[in-house]
C-alpha cells in the first residue's frame, strides 16, 4: 500500500475518533475546512483547538501568599536541655517565613464561582488570587480543603464565568486520549496532550485516599489543580503531581479522578470539611496465592482480616475471612479500591456489600459510621512448649499449645520473630488453616505441609479477644 498525505491524515483522524466511542470522529477532533491550493484540495487536518477554546476559559491561574513556620537552623536547640541552658523559646527558635506560590484551578460552578484545585496549592495561604483567561484578577476565599485526597474548593465573586462539564472518570481506560490544561512554570494556559497510561495508582501518600490516573500528557510544577480533559472537553481528572527526579516532566504524571474529586467537592461545599465514613474492618489484598490457599474462584476483591467490635461492619454481619467482591453493585478490584470508596461516602449512607463466604455469595447492607470503635488489644499468656520445626516457618518465634476448648493457642511470642511479623498475637487461638478446621497441633502440621505444596501461603482464622481475625503466613 502506498502511503500518501491524505492516507496518513485519514488514519490519524480515525485513531482519534476511536478513542471515545460516543461521538463521531469529526465531533471528537474537529477538523479545519479543506484548503483550496488552486491545483487540488488539501485534506482537513485534525485539531484539538475547538475543544481547547471551549474549555480554556474554565481553567484559572491561582497565586497564593502566606507564611510557614520553620524551626531554627541550630540543631542544638532541638534538645530541651540546650533550650533551657541558652534560655531559648520552647519552640526551639521557630520562626515564620513568608512564601508565595502558583498553581491552577478549574471552575466547576460558574453561577456560584466555585473552583476546584489541589489542597497543597492553597495550603497555609493567607491570600489567594485567581487570574482568569481574560486576565481579570480576583480575590478568592477558601471554602474547604481535604489533604487526604488533596482536593480544595475556593470561591470567587464575579459574572461572566465559564464552567467545565464534569465527566465520568470511571469510564476511562488505558489508551484513551486526554489533554492537560494549566499553568506550568507560570506559563499561562499551557496545553499538553497524551493518553491515559494506567488507572488506580496509589501509594504516593500512605495516609491518603488515592486511585490516581497516570498519564503521559506533560504535567509540570504549576499544573497542580488544573484540568485533565477527554476529547469531548469533559473534566476527567484534576492534575495532581509528577514522578520526577529533576522536577520536570518525564512522561509520568498523575491526576485525581473526577468522580473522586466531585464526591469530596460536594462535602466541602456543604460542610466545609469531609465527614469521612468507616465500616470498621481491616483488609488485606486478595493475591493469587491467598485465593489459591483458600480455594477461591476469584483473584480480585478485598479480604476481610478483622471486623472490629460494635462497628458498622459487625452490625451488618461481615466476618473475618469474607472476601468483598462488590460495593453497591460495582465490582471491587482491590482492598485499596474498597477503602477509597468507603472513605468517600458520607456518614449514614447505606451500602450494599457483596461478599464470598465459604464459597457462597452473600449480599449484606451496612450503614457507614463516623467511627469504627476501639481496636482490640493483645492478651497476656503463660509459657508452653516451642512449636516443632515441621510447622510453617511463619510460626517461628511462637510458642503454641492445644487450647482447652479446641484450636491451637499462641502462648508466647518472641519480639521481632517471623510469627510476630506475620501479625500473630499472644492469646490468639488458631481455629482453621486454609479453610480446614484445626482441632490439635497435628492438624496445623498437616495444613503446613499442604500449603508448602500449593505456594506456601497459610491463611489462618484465629479467635482474638472473643472475635474472629485473619492472619496471613507467607
Protein backbone atom coordinates (compact mmCIF):
# COMPACT_ATOMS: atom_id res chain seq x y z
CA UNK A 1 0.00 0.00 0.00
CA UNK A 2 1.36 3.45 -0.96
CA UNK A 3 1.28 5.99 1.90
CA UNK A 4 0.16 9.47 0.82
CA UNK A 5 -0.55 12.52 2.94
CA UNK A 6 -4.35 12.12 2.71
CA UNK A 7 -3.99 8.46 3.73
CA UNK A 8 -1.91 9.31 6.83
CA UNK A 9 -4.25 12.14 7.83
CA UNK A 10 -7.30 9.91 7.43
CA UNK A 11 -5.65 7.27 9.62
CA UNK A 12 -4.91 9.84 12.33
CA UNK A 13 -8.50 11.07 12.24
CA UNK A 14 -9.72 7.53 12.62
CA UNK A 15 -7.44 6.83 15.59
CA UNK A 16 -8.51 9.96 17.44
CA UNK A 17 -12.16 9.30 16.73
CA UNK A 18 -11.94 5.76 18.08
CA UNK A 19 -10.60 6.94 21.47
CA UNK A 20 -14.12 7.91 22.56
CA UNK A 21 -16.95 5.65 21.45
CA UNK A 22 -19.88 8.07 21.79
CA UNK A 23 -19.04 10.92 19.38
CA UNK A 24 -18.18 10.52 15.73
CA UNK A 25 -14.57 11.24 14.75
CA UNK A 26 -15.49 14.64 13.40
CA UNK A 27 -17.07 15.55 16.75
CA UNK A 28 -14.18 14.26 18.87
CA UNK A 29 -11.48 16.11 16.92
CA UNK A 30 -12.99 18.83 14.72
CA UNK A 31 -11.09 19.32 11.50
CA UNK A 32 -10.25 22.56 9.80
CA UNK A 33 -12.02 23.15 6.45
CA UNK A 34 -10.30 21.85 3.36
CA UNK A 35 -7.97 24.41 1.79
CA UNK A 36 -8.08 25.01 -1.95
CA UNK A 37 -4.48 25.17 -3.14
CA UNK A 38 -5.53 26.04 -6.68
CA UNK A 39 -4.49 22.76 -8.25
CA UNK A 40 -6.12 20.42 -5.75
CA UNK A 41 -7.87 20.39 -2.38
CA UNK A 42 -5.78 19.61 0.74
CA UNK A 43 -7.37 17.17 3.20
CA UNK A 44 -8.54 18.67 6.54
CA UNK A 45 -6.12 18.40 9.48
CA UNK A 46 -7.32 17.04 12.82
CA UNK A 47 -7.11 19.57 15.63
CA UNK A 48 -7.95 19.87 19.32
CA UNK A 49 -8.18 23.65 19.03
CA UNK A 50 -12.02 23.94 19.01
CA UNK A 51 -12.29 21.84 22.19
CA UNK A 52 -9.44 23.69 23.90
CA UNK A 53 -11.02 27.06 23.04
CA UNK A 54 -14.24 25.90 24.67
CA UNK A 55 -12.61 24.55 27.87
CA UNK A 56 -9.77 27.03 28.48
CA UNK A 57 -11.92 29.83 29.99
CA UNK A 58 -12.80 27.42 32.82
CA UNK A 59 -9.14 26.88 33.77
CA UNK A 60 -7.65 29.57 36.01
CA UNK A 61 -4.28 30.52 37.45
CA UNK A 62 -4.04 30.58 41.26
CA UNK A 63 -1.47 32.64 43.14
CA UNK A 64 -1.06 32.36 46.91
CA UNK A 65 0.77 34.25 49.62
CA UNK A 66 1.23 33.25 53.21
CA UNK A 67 3.67 32.26 55.90
CA UNK A 68 5.08 28.94 57.06
CA UNK A 69 6.56 28.20 60.45
CA UNK A 70 10.02 26.68 60.35
CA UNK A 71 12.47 25.56 63.02
CA UNK A 72 15.62 27.49 63.87
CA UNK A 73 18.69 26.45 61.96
CA UNK A 74 20.72 25.43 65.05
CA UNK A 75 20.08 21.69 65.64
CA UNK A 76 21.23 22.03 69.29
CA UNK A 77 18.04 23.96 70.00
CA UNK A 78 16.03 20.81 69.22
CA UNK A 79 17.31 19.42 72.54
CA UNK A 80 15.26 20.59 75.61
CA UNK A 81 18.41 20.74 77.77
CA UNK A 82 20.16 23.18 75.44
CA UNK A 83 16.98 25.26 75.11
CA UNK A 84 16.88 25.68 78.90
CA UNK A 85 20.64 26.33 79.09
CA UNK A 86 20.55 29.09 76.47
CA UNK A 87 17.13 30.34 77.63
CA UNK A 88 15.74 29.67 74.15
CA UNK A 89 11.99 29.73 73.47
CA UNK A 90 10.11 26.41 73.93
CA UNK A 91 9.58 26.04 70.19
CA UNK A 92 13.34 25.88 69.59
CA UNK A 93 13.51 29.21 67.81
CA UNK A 94 10.82 28.52 65.25
CA UNK A 95 10.07 31.48 63.05
CA UNK A 96 7.60 32.41 60.36
CA UNK A 97 8.82 32.73 56.78
CA UNK A 98 6.75 34.37 54.03
CA UNK A 99 6.13 32.44 50.83
CA UNK A 100 4.31 32.78 47.55
CA UNK A 101 3.40 30.01 45.09
CA UNK A 102 1.35 29.37 41.98
CA UNK A 103 -0.92 26.65 40.72
CA UNK A 104 -4.04 26.06 38.67
CA UNK A 105 -7.75 25.52 39.23
CA UNK A 106 -10.94 24.63 37.36
CA UNK A 107 -14.26 26.47 37.52
CA UNK A 108 -16.95 23.87 38.24
CA UNK A 109 -19.88 26.20 39.09
CA UNK A 110 -19.99 29.46 37.14
CA UNK A 111 -23.08 30.78 38.92
CA UNK A 112 -21.59 30.47 42.43
CA UNK A 113 -17.96 30.91 41.48
CA UNK A 114 -16.72 27.57 42.85
CA UNK A 115 -13.25 26.50 41.73
CA UNK A 116 -11.70 23.10 42.40
CA UNK A 117 -7.93 22.80 42.92
CA UNK A 118 -5.37 20.82 44.93
CA UNK A 119 -5.22 21.21 48.70
CA UNK A 120 -1.45 21.65 48.54
CA UNK A 121 -1.87 24.62 46.17
CA UNK A 122 -3.69 26.68 48.83
CA UNK A 123 -2.05 25.19 51.93
CA UNK A 124 -1.12 27.86 54.53
CA UNK A 125 -2.34 30.59 52.17
CA UNK A 126 -3.50 33.86 53.73
CA UNK A 127 -4.16 35.47 50.37
CA UNK A 128 -5.48 33.68 47.27
CA UNK A 129 -5.65 35.42 43.89
CA UNK A 130 -7.35 33.94 40.82
CA UNK A 131 -6.43 35.08 37.30
CA UNK A 132 -8.93 34.28 34.55
CA UNK A 133 -8.20 33.70 30.86
CA UNK A 134 -9.38 37.26 30.11
CA UNK A 135 -6.70 38.50 32.60
CA UNK A 136 -9.16 39.55 35.30
CA UNK A 137 -7.60 39.17 38.77
CA UNK A 138 -9.95 38.35 41.64
CA UNK A 139 -9.55 37.65 45.34
CA UNK A 140 -10.74 34.18 46.36
CA UNK A 141 -11.78 32.67 49.67
CA UNK A 142 -11.15 29.11 50.82
CA UNK A 143 -14.39 27.11 51.13
CA UNK A 144 -12.80 23.88 52.37
CA UNK A 145 -9.80 21.62 51.99
CA UNK A 146 -9.20 17.86 52.32
CA UNK A 147 -5.48 16.98 52.45
CA UNK A 148 -6.16 13.22 52.39
CA UNK A 149 -7.46 13.46 48.83
CA UNK A 150 -5.54 16.70 48.06
CA UNK A 151 -8.72 18.47 46.97
CA UNK A 152 -9.71 22.03 47.90
CA UNK A 153 -12.54 24.36 46.89
CA UNK A 154 -12.14 28.12 46.61
CA UNK A 155 -14.74 30.71 45.58
CA UNK A 156 -14.70 33.98 43.65
CA UNK A 157 -17.44 36.57 43.11
CA UNK A 158 -17.86 37.83 39.55
CA UNK A 159 -20.01 37.39 36.46
CA UNK A 160 -19.28 36.03 33.01
CA UNK A 161 -17.59 32.84 34.17
CA UNK A 162 -17.36 29.61 32.17
CA UNK A 163 -17.58 26.23 33.87
CA UNK A 164 -16.35 22.85 32.71
CA UNK A 165 -18.56 19.79 32.32
CA UNK A 166 -17.56 17.05 34.77
CA UNK A 167 -17.28 13.67 33.05
CA UNK A 168 -17.40 10.09 34.35
CA UNK A 169 -13.82 9.13 35.17
CA UNK A 170 -14.88 5.53 35.84
CA UNK A 171 -15.28 5.10 32.07
CA UNK A 172 -11.63 5.90 31.38
CA UNK A 173 -9.40 3.16 30.01
CA UNK A 174 -5.66 3.00 29.40
CA UNK A 175 -5.07 4.31 25.89
CA UNK A 176 -7.81 6.98 25.98
CA UNK A 177 -6.64 10.38 24.75
CA UNK A 178 -6.52 13.23 27.28
CA UNK A 179 -5.27 16.82 27.42
CA UNK A 180 -3.82 18.62 30.44
CA UNK A 181 -4.51 22.36 30.77
CA UNK A 182 -2.83 24.50 33.39
CA UNK A 183 -0.11 26.99 34.18
CA UNK A 184 3.22 25.11 34.36
CA UNK A 185 6.17 27.24 35.47
CA UNK A 186 3.86 30.26 35.35
CA UNK A 187 3.19 29.86 31.61
CA UNK A 188 -0.48 30.76 31.41
CA UNK A 189 -2.91 28.27 29.89
CA UNK A 190 -0.48 25.75 28.50
CA UNK A 191 -1.91 22.62 26.87
CA UNK A 192 -0.26 19.20 26.66
CA UNK A 193 -1.65 16.09 25.06
CA UNK A 194 -1.24 12.36 25.62
CA UNK A 195 -3.01 9.22 26.73
CA UNK A 196 -4.14 7.58 29.93
CA UNK A 197 -1.18 5.36 30.83
CA UNK A 198 -2.73 3.48 33.77
CA UNK A 199 -5.53 3.70 36.34
CA UNK A 200 -5.83 3.11 40.08
CA UNK A 201 -2.31 4.19 41.02
CA UNK A 202 -1.76 4.51 44.79
CA UNK A 203 0.98 4.53 47.41
CA UNK A 204 2.08 8.15 46.89
CA UNK A 205 0.51 9.23 50.18
CA UNK A 206 0.20 6.40 52.76
CA UNK A 207 -2.41 8.35 54.75
CA UNK A 208 -4.37 9.46 51.71
CA UNK A 209 -7.23 8.12 49.65
CA UNK A 210 -5.76 7.51 46.22
CA UNK A 211 -6.77 5.92 42.96
CA UNK A 212 -4.83 8.15 40.61
CA UNK A 213 -4.95 8.41 36.83
CA UNK A 214 -1.48 8.08 35.30
CA UNK A 215 -0.91 9.97 32.07
CA UNK A 216 1.96 10.86 29.76
CA UNK A 217 0.41 14.25 28.99
CA UNK A 218 3.09 16.66 30.23
CA UNK A 219 2.41 17.82 33.80
CA UNK A 220 4.92 20.18 35.41
CA UNK A 221 5.12 22.39 38.53
CA UNK A 222 2.25 24.86 38.31
CA UNK A 223 -0.06 22.36 36.58
CA UNK A 224 -1.30 21.21 40.00
CA UNK A 225 -5.05 21.73 40.29
CA UNK A 226 -5.51 22.13 36.54
CA UNK A 227 -7.81 20.21 34.23
CA UNK A 228 -7.32 16.81 32.64
CA UNK A 229 -10.00 16.58 29.95
CA UNK A 230 -11.06 13.99 27.39
CA UNK A 231 -11.62 14.75 23.72
CA UNK A 232 -15.19 15.88 24.44
CA UNK A 233 -13.81 18.57 26.73
CA UNK A 234 -15.20 16.85 29.83
CA UNK A 235 -13.23 17.08 33.06
CA UNK A 236 -12.00 13.57 33.90
CA UNK A 237 -9.24 14.46 36.37
CA UNK A 238 -7.57 17.15 38.46
CA UNK A 239 -3.83 17.35 37.71
CA UNK A 240 -2.02 16.46 40.90
CA UNK A 241 1.67 15.51 40.77
CA UNK A 242 4.58 14.25 38.73
CA UNK A 243 7.12 11.50 39.23
CA UNK A 244 10.50 13.04 38.50
CA UNK A 245 13.96 13.26 40.00
CA UNK A 246 14.63 16.61 38.35
CA UNK A 247 11.28 18.32 38.98
CA UNK A 248 10.44 18.34 35.27
CA UNK A 249 8.17 16.16 33.18
CA UNK A 250 9.40 12.68 32.24
CA UNK A 251 6.07 11.39 30.94
CA UNK A 252 4.73 10.13 34.28
CA UNK A 253 2.08 12.44 35.69
CA UNK A 254 -0.90 11.78 37.95
CA UNK A 255 -4.40 13.21 38.25
CA UNK A 256 -7.18 12.75 40.79
CA UNK A 257 -10.21 11.09 39.13
CA UNK A 258 -13.10 13.49 38.56
CA UNK A 259 -15.57 11.19 40.33
CA UNK A 260 -13.45 11.22 43.49
CA UNK A 261 -12.97 14.99 43.23
CA UNK A 262 -16.71 15.56 42.78
CA UNK A 263 -17.56 13.48 45.87
CA UNK A 264 -15.11 15.46 48.01
CA UNK A 265 -16.23 18.75 46.45
CA UNK A 266 -19.87 18.12 47.39
CA UNK A 267 -18.94 17.64 51.05
CA UNK A 268 -16.55 20.59 51.17
CA UNK A 269 -19.21 22.91 49.77
CA UNK A 270 -21.89 21.57 52.09
CA UNK A 271 -19.93 21.10 55.33
CA UNK A 272 -16.59 22.87 54.82
CA UNK A 273 -14.81 19.58 55.52
CA UNK A 274 -15.13 15.89 54.67
CA UNK A 275 -17.06 13.73 57.12
CA UNK A 276 -15.30 10.51 56.23
CA UNK A 277 -17.17 7.26 56.83
CA UNK A 278 -15.86 3.97 58.14
CA UNK A 279 -17.12 0.40 58.31
CA UNK A 280 -14.69 -0.88 60.94
CA UNK A 281 -12.79 -3.59 59.09
CA UNK A 282 -9.15 -4.31 58.42
CA UNK A 283 -8.36 -5.55 54.93
CA UNK A 284 -5.67 -7.39 53.01
CA UNK A 285 -5.16 -7.62 49.24
CA UNK A 286 -6.60 -10.79 47.72
CA UNK A 287 -3.50 -12.03 45.92
CA UNK A 288 -3.36 -15.11 43.73
CA UNK A 289 -1.58 -17.19 46.38
CA UNK A 290 -4.17 -16.30 49.04
CA UNK A 291 -7.04 -17.11 46.67
CA UNK A 292 -5.37 -20.44 45.86
CA UNK A 293 -4.82 -21.22 49.54
CA UNK A 294 -8.50 -20.57 50.32
CA UNK A 295 -9.73 -22.31 47.19
CA UNK A 296 -11.48 -19.18 45.95
CA UNK A 297 -12.66 -18.83 42.33
CA UNK A 298 -11.71 -15.12 42.22
CA UNK A 299 -8.43 -13.21 42.45
CA UNK A 300 -9.86 -9.70 42.73
CA UNK A 301 -11.55 -8.22 45.76
CA UNK A 302 -10.66 -7.41 49.37
CA UNK A 303 -10.03 -9.98 52.09
CA UNK A 304 -11.52 -9.01 55.46
CA UNK A 305 -8.91 -9.89 58.08
CA UNK A 306 -10.73 -8.49 61.10
CA UNK A 307 -14.07 -6.91 62.00
CA UNK A 308 -13.92 -4.53 64.93
CA UNK A 309 -16.33 -4.97 67.80
CA UNK A 310 -19.51 -2.84 67.72
CA UNK A 311 -18.56 -1.44 64.32
CA UNK A 312 -20.85 -0.82 61.33
CA UNK A 313 -19.38 -3.90 59.65
CA UNK A 314 -20.10 -6.08 62.70
CA UNK A 315 -23.72 -4.87 62.79
CA UNK A 316 -24.06 -5.64 59.07
CA UNK A 317 -22.87 -9.23 59.59
CA UNK A 318 -19.41 -9.04 57.98
CA UNK A 319 -16.95 -11.63 59.27
CA UNK A 320 -13.21 -12.16 59.17
CA UNK A 321 -12.44 -14.34 56.16
CA UNK A 322 -15.13 -12.78 53.97
CA UNK A 323 -13.98 -11.63 50.53
CA UNK A 324 -15.63 -8.38 49.44
CA UNK A 325 -16.41 -8.61 45.73
CA UNK A 326 -18.89 -5.76 45.11
CA UNK A 327 -19.90 -2.43 46.62
CA UNK A 328 -23.31 -1.06 45.63
CA UNK A 329 -23.34 -3.46 42.70
CA UNK A 330 -19.94 -2.42 41.31
CA UNK A 331 -17.03 -4.84 41.28
CA UNK A 332 -14.31 -4.30 43.90
CA UNK A 333 -10.90 -4.95 42.35
CA UNK A 334 -8.67 -4.45 45.39
CA UNK A 335 -8.59 -3.64 49.09
CA UNK A 336 -7.30 -0.12 48.28
CA UNK A 337 -10.25 0.50 45.96
CA UNK A 338 -12.72 -0.65 48.64
CA UNK A 339 -11.04 1.55 51.29
CA UNK A 340 -11.18 4.57 48.98
CA UNK A 341 -14.84 4.00 48.13
CA UNK A 342 -15.89 3.73 51.78
CA UNK A 343 -13.75 6.69 52.81
CA UNK A 344 -15.51 8.93 50.28
CA UNK A 345 -19.02 8.02 51.44
CA UNK A 346 -20.94 10.19 53.85
CA UNK A 347 -21.69 9.14 57.40
CA UNK A 348 -25.10 7.46 57.45
CA UNK A 349 -25.01 6.30 53.82
CA UNK A 350 -26.37 2.80 53.23
CA UNK A 351 -24.16 0.48 51.18
CA UNK A 352 -24.74 -2.97 49.73
CA UNK A 353 -21.66 -5.15 50.18
CA UNK A 354 -21.34 -8.36 48.17
CA UNK A 355 -19.11 -11.00 49.78
CA UNK A 356 -17.93 -14.54 49.23
CA UNK A 357 -18.15 -16.64 52.40
CA UNK A 358 -17.12 -20.30 52.33
CA UNK A 359 -17.91 -20.45 48.62
CA UNK A 360 -21.34 -18.79 48.94
CA UNK A 361 -22.20 -15.35 47.55
CA UNK A 362 -23.98 -13.13 50.06
CA UNK A 363 -25.24 -9.54 49.99
CA UNK A 364 -25.09 -7.51 53.21
CA UNK A 365 -26.28 -3.97 53.92
CA UNK A 366 -24.24 -1.66 56.12
CA UNK A 367 -24.72 1.89 57.35
CA UNK A 368 -21.49 3.91 57.12
CA UNK A 369 -20.45 5.07 60.59
CA UNK A 370 -18.42 8.01 61.81
CA UNK A 371 -16.10 5.88 63.96
CA UNK A 372 -15.12 2.23 63.81
CA UNK A 373 -14.80 1.64 67.54
CA UNK A 374 -11.83 0.66 69.63
CA UNK A 375 -9.28 -1.77 68.27
CA UNK A 376 -8.78 -4.97 70.24
CA UNK A 377 -5.71 -5.39 72.41
CA UNK A 378 -3.46 -8.40 72.87
CA UNK A 379 -3.97 -10.68 75.85
CA UNK A 380 -1.25 -12.00 78.13
CA UNK A 381 -0.47 -15.72 78.26
CA UNK A 382 1.56 -18.37 80.03
CA UNK A 383 4.61 -20.26 78.83
CA UNK A 384 4.40 -23.58 76.97
CA UNK A 385 6.32 -25.78 74.56
CA UNK A 386 8.03 -24.45 71.43
CA UNK A 387 6.46 -25.19 68.08
CA UNK A 388 8.06 -28.09 66.22
CA UNK A 389 10.07 -27.44 63.06
CA UNK A 390 7.51 -29.16 60.83
CA UNK A 391 5.18 -26.18 61.10
CA UNK A 392 5.03 -23.37 58.56
CA UNK A 393 8.04 -21.13 59.10
CA UNK A 394 5.69 -18.22 59.71
CA UNK A 395 5.21 -19.74 63.18
CA UNK A 396 8.90 -19.34 64.03
CA UNK A 397 9.17 -17.49 67.34
CA UNK A 398 5.73 -18.58 68.57
CA UNK A 399 5.12 -20.97 71.44
CA UNK A 400 1.96 -22.97 70.73
CA UNK A 401 -0.15 -25.41 72.68
CA UNK A 402 -3.54 -27.08 72.33
CA UNK A 403 -6.33 -24.86 73.65
CA UNK A 404 -8.73 -26.36 76.17
CA UNK A 405 -11.79 -25.53 74.03
CA UNK A 406 -10.24 -26.57 70.71
CA UNK A 407 -7.73 -24.98 68.38
CA UNK A 408 -4.09 -24.01 68.88
CA UNK A 409 -3.27 -21.17 71.27
CA UNK A 410 -0.33 -18.78 70.95
CA UNK A 411 1.14 -18.60 74.46
CA UNK A 412 4.49 -16.84 73.94
CA UNK A 413 5.72 -14.68 71.07
CA UNK A 414 9.35 -13.63 70.53
CA UNK A 415 9.59 -9.94 69.56
CA UNK A 416 10.93 -9.45 66.04
CA UNK A 417 10.29 -13.08 65.08
CA UNK A 418 8.61 -14.29 61.89
CA UNK A 419 5.44 -15.07 63.85
CA UNK A 420 5.30 -11.56 65.30
CA UNK A 421 5.91 -10.03 61.86
CA UNK A 422 3.05 -12.13 60.44
CA UNK A 423 0.61 -10.48 62.82
CA UNK A 424 0.10 -13.25 65.36
CA UNK A 425 -0.52 -12.08 68.93
CA UNK A 426 -0.23 -13.68 72.33
CA UNK A 427 -3.63 -15.14 73.19
CA UNK A 428 -4.65 -15.88 69.60
CA UNK A 429 -6.32 -19.27 69.11
CA UNK A 430 -5.93 -20.74 65.63
CA UNK A 431 -9.26 -22.26 64.55
CA UNK A 432 -8.61 -23.09 60.88
CA UNK A 433 -5.84 -23.05 58.30
CA UNK A 434 -6.62 -22.58 54.59
CA UNK A 435 -10.25 -23.29 55.35
CA UNK A 436 -9.57 -26.60 57.18
CA UNK A 437 -10.57 -26.83 60.85
CA UNK A 438 -7.70 -27.08 63.32
CA UNK A 439 -8.51 -29.09 66.47
CA UNK A 440 -4.98 -30.04 67.55
CA UNK A 441 -1.36 -29.31 66.69
CA UNK A 442 -1.11 -32.24 64.26
CA UNK A 443 -3.84 -30.60 62.14
CA UNK A 444 -1.68 -27.50 61.90
CA UNK A 445 1.31 -29.59 60.83
CA UNK A 446 -0.80 -31.23 58.10
CA UNK A 447 -2.06 -27.85 56.89
CA UNK A 448 1.51 -26.50 56.80
CA UNK A 449 2.65 -29.39 54.62
CA UNK A 450 -0.31 -28.89 52.26
CA UNK A 451 0.44 -25.17 52.00
CA UNK A 452 4.07 -25.91 51.09
CA UNK A 453 2.87 -27.83 48.03
CA UNK A 454 0.49 -25.05 46.95
CA UNK A 455 2.63 -21.92 47.01
CA UNK A 456 3.46 -21.72 50.72
CA UNK A 457 0.67 -19.34 51.85
CA UNK A 458 -1.22 -20.24 55.01
CA UNK A 459 -4.41 -18.32 55.79
CA UNK A 460 -5.25 -18.67 59.46
CA UNK A 461 -8.58 -17.93 61.08
CA UNK A 462 -7.96 -17.03 64.71
CA UNK A 463 -10.07 -16.14 67.72
CA UNK A 464 -8.75 -12.94 69.26
CA UNK A 465 -10.34 -11.43 72.34
CA UNK A 466 -13.61 -13.14 71.52
CA UNK A 467 -13.61 -12.00 67.87
CA UNK A 468 -12.51 -13.64 64.63
CA UNK A 469 -9.48 -12.39 62.70
CA UNK A 470 -7.45 -13.50 59.68
CA UNK A 471 -3.66 -13.84 59.79
CA UNK A 472 -1.60 -14.49 56.65
CA UNK A 473 1.59 -16.56 56.80
CA UNK A 474 3.81 -16.46 53.71
